Amino acid sequence: MLAAYLATFAEHFFPLMLWLGLGSRFAALGLAVMTLTIQLFVYPDAWVTHGLWMSSLLVLVLQGPGRLSLDHLIRARQG
């Protein structure tokens, strides 16, 4: 039951974080873990779709959100 609530929260909250560019690497990593879990245990034949999602999410995890994000604005004001 707890896993269902956490997954529902993550499915709604993490994309919002990505859209705002706030905590983008954390949100992308969380969505990547969810995508991998769904791929392995729920829809094992949907590897094309999940592969596209994973590649996009891993780019965000490795490179960050970019200049048009709240993460960048916050970091620029601090340093």
C-alpha atoms as a PDB file:
ATOM      1  CA  MET A   1       0.000   0.000   0.000  1.00  0.00           C
ATOM      2  CA  LEU A   2       2.812   2.398   0.877  1.00  0.00           C
ATOM      3  CA  ALA A   3       4.571   1.697  -2.437  1.00  0.00           C
ATOM      4  CA  ALA A   4       1.404   2.591  -4.336  1.00  0.00           C
ATOM      5  CA  TYR A   5       1.098   5.927  -2.535  1.00  0.00           C
ATOM      6  CA  LEU A   6       4.784   6.727  -3.037  1.00  0.00           C
ATOM      7  CA  ALA A   7       4.637   5.831  -6.743  1.00  0.00           C
ATOM      8  CA  THR A   8       1.539   7.962  -7.249  1.00  0.00           C
ATOM      9  CA  PHE A   9       3.163  10.891  -5.486  1.00  0.00           C
ATOM     10  CA  ALA A  10       6.367  10.495  -7.491  1.00  0.00           C
ATOM     11  CA  GLU A  11       4.507  10.201 -10.797  1.00  0.00           C
ATOM     12  CA  HIS A  12       2.834  13.552 -10.187  1.00  0.00           C
ATOM     13  CA  PHE A  13       5.500  15.469  -8.276  1.00  0.00           C
ATOM     14  CA  PHE A  14       8.695  14.568 -10.184  1.00  0.00           C
ATOM     15  CA  PRO A  15       7.433  15.721 -13.615  1.00  0.00           C
ATOM     16  CA  LEU A  16       6.365  18.999 -12.023  1.00  0.00           C
ATOM     17  CA  MET A  17       9.859  19.377 -10.584  1.00  0.00           C
ATOM     18  CA  LEU A  18      11.326  18.733 -14.052  1.00  0.00           C
ATOM     19  CA  TRP A  19       9.003  21.245 -15.644  1.00  0.00           C
ATOM     20  CA  LEU A  20      10.058  23.897 -13.140  1.00  0.00           C
ATOM     21  CA  GLY A  21      13.699  22.911 -13.297  1.00  0.00           C
ATOM     22  CA  LEU A  22      13.831  22.555  -9.521  1.00  0.00           C
ATOM     23  CA  GLY A  23      15.730  19.556  -8.181  1.00  0.00           C
ATOM     24  CA  SER A  24      15.913  18.311 -11.747  1.00  0.00           C
ATOM     25  CA  ARG A  25      18.640  15.727 -11.301  1.00  0.00           C
ATOM     26  CA  PHE A  26      16.886  14.215  -8.292  1.00  0.00           C
ATOM     27  CA  ALA A  27      13.531  14.170 -10.091  1.00  0.00           C
ATOM     28  CA  ALA A  28      15.018  12.648 -13.249  1.00  0.00           C
ATOM     29  CA  LEU A  29      16.772   9.978 -11.209  1.00  0.00           C
ATOM     30  CA  GLY A  30      13.535   9.160  -9.377  1.00  0.00           C
ATOM     31  CA  LEU A  31      11.629   8.867 -12.640  1.00  0.00           C
ATOM     32  CA  ALA A  32      14.419   6.726 -14.104  1.00  0.00           C
ATOM     33  CA  VAL A  33      14.148   4.308 -11.178  1.00  0.00           C
ATOM     34  CA  MET A  34      10.372   4.185 -11.608  1.00  0.00           C
ATOM     35  CA  THR A  35      10.731   3.596 -15.352  1.00  0.00           C
ATOM     36  CA  LEU A  36      13.221   0.782 -14.787  1.00  0.00           C
ATOM     37  CA  THR A  37      10.951  -0.823 -12.196  1.00  0.00           C
ATOM     38  CA  ILE A  38       7.950  -0.635 -14.509  1.00  0.00           C
ATOM     39  CA  GLN A  39      10.015  -2.030 -17.375  1.00  0.00           C
ATOM     40  CA  LEU A  40      11.239  -4.986 -15.347  1.00  0.00           C
ATOM     41  CA  PHE A  41       8.098  -5.927 -13.451  1.00  0.00           C
ATOM     42  CA  VAL A  42       5.033  -4.543 -15.239  1.00  0.00           C
ATOM     43  CA  TYR A  43       5.586  -4.078 -18.992  1.00  0.00           C
ATOM     44  CA  PRO A  44       8.678  -6.090 -20.001  1.00  0.00           C
ATOM     45  CA  ASP A  45       7.830  -5.823 -23.715  1.00  0.00           C
ATOM     46  CA  ALA A  46       7.732  -2.011 -23.725  1.00  0.00           C
ATOM     47  CA  TRP A  47      11.507  -1.624 -23.876  1.00  0.00           C
ATOM     48  CA  VAL A  48      11.423   0.776 -26.846  1.00  0.00           C
ATOM     49  CA  THR A  49       9.248   3.312 -25.059  1.00  0.00           C
ATOM     50  CA  HIS A  50      11.031   2.936 -21.741  1.00  0.00           C
ATOM     51  CA  GLY A  51      14.412   3.089 -23.469  1.00  0.00           C
ATOM     52  CA  LEU A  52      13.533   6.473 -24.945  1.00  0.00           C
ATOM     53  CA  TRP A  53      12.369   7.734 -21.560  1.00  0.00           C
ATOM     54  CA  MET A  54      15.468   6.397 -19.815  1.00  0.00           C
ATOM     55  CA  SER A  55      17.841   8.000 -22.310  1.00  0.00           C
ATOM     56  CA  SER A  56      16.130  11.378 -21.870  1.00  0.00           C
ATOM     57  CA  LEU A  57      16.150  11.087 -18.092  1.00  0.00           C
ATOM     58  CA  LEU A  58      19.780  10.010 -17.966  1.00  0.00           C
ATOM     59  CA  VAL A  59      20.784  13.073 -20.012  1.00  0.00           C
ATOM     60  CA  LEU A  60      19.111  15.228 -17.354  1.00  0.00           C
ATOM     61  CA  VAL A  61      20.807  13.324 -14.535  1.00  0.00           C
ATOM     62  CA  LEU A  62      24.252  13.606 -16.114  1.00  0.00           C
ATOM     63  CA  GLN A  63      24.114  17.104 -17.620  1.00  0.00           C
ATOM     64  CA  GLY A  64      21.621  18.917 -15.443  1.00  0.00           C
ATOM     65  CA  PRO A  65      18.608  21.009 -16.412  1.00  0.00           C
ATOM     66  CA  GLY A  66      20.247  23.906 -18.288  1.00  0.00           C
ATOM     67  CA  ARG A  67      20.056  27.686 -18.086  1.00  0.00           C
ATOM     68  CA  LEU A  68      16.273  28.047 -18.171  1.00  0.00           C
ATOM     69  CA  SER A  69      15.711  26.324 -14.843  1.00  0.00           C
ATOM     70  CA  LEU A  70      15.198  27.342 -11.244  1.00  0.00           C
ATOM     71  CA  ASP A  71      18.236  25.217 -10.326  1.00  0.00           C
ATOM     72  CA  HIS A  72      20.432  27.408 -12.516  1.00  0.00           C
ATOM     73  CA  LEU A  73      18.868  30.620 -11.178  1.00  0.00           C
ATOM     74  CA  ILE A  74      19.385  29.535  -7.561  1.00  0.00           C
ATOM     75  CA  ARG A  75      22.969  28.457  -8.221  1.00  0.00           C
ATOM     76  CA  ALA A  76      23.737  31.763  -9.974  1.00  0.00           C
ATOM     77  CA  ARG A  77      22.446  33.798  -7.025  1.00  0.00           C
ATOM     78  CA  GLN A  78      24.491  31.772  -4.514  1.00  0.00           C
ATOM     79  CA  GLY A  79      27.805  32.002  -6.269  1.00  0.00           C
END
